[in-house]
Amino acid sequence: MGLQQNCTHALQNWGGNLQFLLAKEGAMGDAKHQSNCGNTITLIDPQLSPLSHGVLPLQWNSPAIDAAVGRCPATDQRGVARPQGKACDIGAYEFKPWNAEK
């Protein structure tokens, strides 16, 4: 799956989105569908760790950390308080540094 599966129609969003482009640029019509996604989606590797206990944890260097726009739920999918840093993380998982005191 690549960008074309997510943006085959015009996407309305308010920013704070990351999209991992799996296919090489221009492959399978990706260039055609990038314009449908608009300029508020960042095409970048989100730096996810392998699936563990039903979640895809963020790695320490993920661009999703502290990158959410606007408000977010009080807890992530595991019940961890949000935010753990200066802002919430993008997605259902909140990165909690080992030295976090929260």
C-alpha atoms as a PDB file:
ATOM      1  CA  MET A   1       0.000   0.000   0.000  1.00  0.00           C
ATOM      2  CA  GLY A   2       1.195   3.447  -0.762  1.00  0.00           C
ATOM      3  CA  LEU A   3      -0.126   6.952  -0.922  1.00  0.00           C
ATOM      4  CA  GLN A   4      -2.493   6.110  -3.756  1.00  0.00           C
ATOM      5  CA  GLN A   5      -4.638   3.945  -1.469  1.00  0.00           C
ATOM      6  CA  ASN A   6      -5.079   6.786   1.018  1.00  0.00           C
ATOM      7  CA  CYS A   7      -5.640   9.747  -1.254  1.00  0.00           C
ATOM      8  CA  THR A   8      -7.546   8.551  -4.299  1.00  0.00           C
ATOM      9  CA  HIS A   9     -10.018  11.355  -3.583  1.00  0.00           C
ATOM     10  CA  ALA A  10      -9.395  14.838  -2.281  1.00  0.00           C
ATOM     11  CA  LEU A  11      -8.506  14.654   1.408  1.00  0.00           C
ATOM     12  CA  GLN A  12      -9.767  17.196   3.893  1.00  0.00           C
ATOM     13  CA  ASN A  13      -7.630  17.535   6.966  1.00  0.00           C
ATOM     14  CA  TRP A  14      -6.405  20.103   9.419  1.00  0.00           C
ATOM     15  CA  GLY A  15      -2.712  19.229   9.395  1.00  0.00           C
ATOM     16  CA  GLY A  16      -0.564  17.014  11.574  1.00  0.00           C
ATOM     17  CA  ASN A  17      -0.578  14.022   9.244  1.00  0.00           C
ATOM     18  CA  LEU A  18       2.334  11.774   8.349  1.00  0.00           C
ATOM     19  CA  GLN A  19       2.223   9.425   5.366  1.00  0.00           C
ATOM     20  CA  PHE A  20       4.860   6.784   4.754  1.00  0.00           C
ATOM     21  CA  LEU A  21       5.285   6.429   1.000  1.00  0.00           C
ATOM     22  CA  LEU A  22       6.081   2.744   0.482  1.00  0.00           C
ATOM     23  CA  ALA A  23       6.417   2.826  -3.297  1.00  0.00           C
ATOM     24  CA  LYS A  24       9.165   4.683  -5.106  1.00  0.00           C
ATOM     25  CA  GLU A  25       8.092   8.159  -6.176  1.00  0.00           C
ATOM     26  CA  GLY A  26       6.213   8.038  -9.446  1.00  0.00           C
ATOM     27  CA  ALA A  27       5.514   4.300  -9.143  1.00  0.00           C
ATOM     28  CA  MET A  28       1.946   3.045  -9.405  1.00  0.00           C
ATOM     29  CA  GLY A  29       0.526   6.536  -9.919  1.00  0.00           C
ATOM     30  CA  ASP A  30       1.835   8.027  -6.657  1.00  0.00           C
ATOM     31  CA  ALA A  31       2.698  11.355  -8.276  1.00  0.00           C
ATOM     32  CA  LYS A  32      -0.862  11.675  -9.595  1.00  0.00           C
ATOM     33  CA  HIS A  33      -2.370  11.113  -6.170  1.00  0.00           C
ATOM     34  CA  GLN A  34       0.022  13.269  -4.163  1.00  0.00           C
ATOM     35  CA  SER A  35      -1.838  16.389  -5.301  1.00  0.00           C
ATOM     36  CA  ASN A  36      -5.071  14.934  -3.875  1.00  0.00           C
ATOM     37  CA  CYS A  37      -3.458  14.761  -0.435  1.00  0.00           C
ATOM     38  CA  GLY A  38      -2.621  18.437  -0.383  1.00  0.00           C
ATOM     39  CA  ASN A  39       0.366  20.018   1.302  1.00  0.00           C
ATOM     40  CA  THR A  40      -0.591  19.255   4.931  1.00  0.00           C
ATOM     41  CA  ILE A  41       0.622  15.648   4.794  1.00  0.00           C
ATOM     42  CA  THR A  42       4.309  15.017   5.365  1.00  0.00           C
ATOM     43  CA  LEU A  43       5.735  12.181   3.261  1.00  0.00           C
ATOM     44  CA  ILE A  44       8.285  10.656   5.634  1.00  0.00           C
ATOM     45  CA  ASP A  45       9.151   7.411   7.388  1.00  0.00           C
ATOM     46  CA  PRO A  46       7.356   7.597  10.779  1.00  0.00           C
ATOM     47  CA  GLN A  47      10.102   5.492  12.431  1.00  0.00           C
ATOM     48  CA  LEU A  48       7.838   2.815  13.918  1.00  0.00           C
ATOM     49  CA  SER A  49       9.188  -0.120  15.910  1.00  0.00           C
ATOM     50  CA  PRO A  50       7.954  -3.653  15.120  1.00  0.00           C
ATOM     51  CA  LEU A  51       4.440  -4.603  16.224  1.00  0.00           C
ATOM     52  CA  SER A  52       4.470  -5.390  19.940  1.00  0.00           C
ATOM     53  CA  HIS A  53       1.453  -6.326  22.079  1.00  0.00           C
ATOM     54  CA  GLY A  54      -0.951  -4.962  19.473  1.00  0.00           C
ATOM     55  CA  VAL A  55       0.723  -1.566  19.052  1.00  0.00           C
ATOM     56  CA  LEU A  56       3.284  -0.050  16.708  1.00  0.00           C
ATOM     57  CA  PRO A  57       5.526   1.903  19.105  1.00  0.00           C
ATOM     58  CA  LEU A  58       7.278   5.054  17.975  1.00  0.00           C
ATOM     59  CA  GLN A  59      11.071   4.992  17.940  1.00  0.00           C
ATOM     60  CA  TRP A  60      12.917   7.745  19.829  1.00  0.00           C
ATOM     61  CA  ASN A  61      13.650   9.562  16.542  1.00  0.00           C
ATOM     62  CA  SER A  62      10.127   9.464  15.082  1.00  0.00           C
ATOM     63  CA  PRO A  63       8.926  12.677  13.397  1.00  0.00           C
ATOM     64  CA  ALA A  64       5.501  11.929  14.952  1.00  0.00           C
ATOM     65  CA  ILE A  65       6.762  12.751  18.469  1.00  0.00           C
ATOM     66  CA  ASP A  66       5.383  16.085  19.748  1.00  0.00           C
ATOM     67  CA  ALA A  67       4.012  16.809  16.257  1.00  0.00           C
ATOM     68  CA  ALA A  68       0.233  16.626  16.747  1.00  0.00           C
ATOM     69  CA  VAL A  69      -1.755  19.698  15.751  1.00  0.00           C
ATOM     70  CA  GLY A  70      -4.433  20.921  18.135  1.00  0.00           C
ATOM     71  CA  ARG A  71      -6.064  18.917  20.881  1.00  0.00           C
ATOM     72  CA  CYS A  72      -5.683  15.198  21.443  1.00  0.00           C
ATOM     73  CA  PRO A  73      -7.252  12.530  23.660  1.00  0.00           C
ATOM     74  CA  ALA A  74      -6.126  12.537  27.324  1.00  0.00           C
ATOM     75  CA  THR A  75      -4.581   9.071  26.926  1.00  0.00           C
ATOM     76  CA  ASP A  76      -3.168   6.946  24.121  1.00  0.00           C
ATOM     77  CA  GLN A  77      -4.413   3.478  23.135  1.00  0.00           C
ATOM     78  CA  ARG A  78      -2.577   1.940  26.109  1.00  0.00           C
ATOM     79  CA  GLY A  79      -3.877   4.426  28.656  1.00  0.00           C
ATOM     80  CA  VAL A  80      -0.629   6.452  28.838  1.00  0.00           C
ATOM     81  CA  ALA A  81      -1.288  10.128  29.668  1.00  0.00           C
ATOM     82  CA  ARG A  82      -0.901  12.622  26.844  1.00  0.00           C
ATOM     83  CA  PRO A  83       1.177  14.619  26.180  1.00  0.00           C
ATOM     84  CA  GLN A  84       4.474  13.198  27.419  1.00  0.00           C
ATOM     85  CA  GLY A  85       6.458  16.035  25.848  1.00  0.00           C
ATOM     86  CA  LYS A  86       5.726  19.576  24.724  1.00  0.00           C
ATOM     87  CA  ALA A  87       2.835  18.363  22.513  1.00  0.00           C
ATOM     88  CA  CYS A  88       0.954  15.160  21.783  1.00  0.00           C
ATOM     89  CA  ASP A  89       2.367  12.656  19.335  1.00  0.00           C
ATOM     90  CA  ILE A  90       0.677  11.959  16.009  1.00  0.00           C
ATOM     91  CA  GLY A  91      -1.263   8.717  16.076  1.00  0.00           C
ATOM     92  CA  ALA A  92      -2.648   6.391  18.728  1.00  0.00           C
ATOM     93  CA  TYR A  93       0.687   5.824  20.496  1.00  0.00           C
ATOM     94  CA  GLU A  94       2.318   8.369  22.828  1.00  0.00           C
ATOM     95  CA  PHE A  95       6.087   8.004  23.101  1.00  0.00           C
ATOM     96  CA  LYS A  96       7.176   7.868  26.735  1.00  0.00           C
ATOM     97  CA  PRO A  97      10.912   8.449  27.232  1.00  0.00           C
ATOM     98  CA  TRP A  98      12.636   6.257  29.791  1.00  0.00           C
ATOM     99  CA  ASN A  99      13.395   9.324  31.889  1.00  0.00           C
ATOM    100  CA  ALA A 100       9.802  10.641  31.827  1.00  0.00           C
ATOM    101  CA  GLU A 101       8.539  11.534  35.271  1.00  0.00           C
ATOM    102  CA  LYS A 102       4.848  11.592  34.281  1.00  0.00           C
END
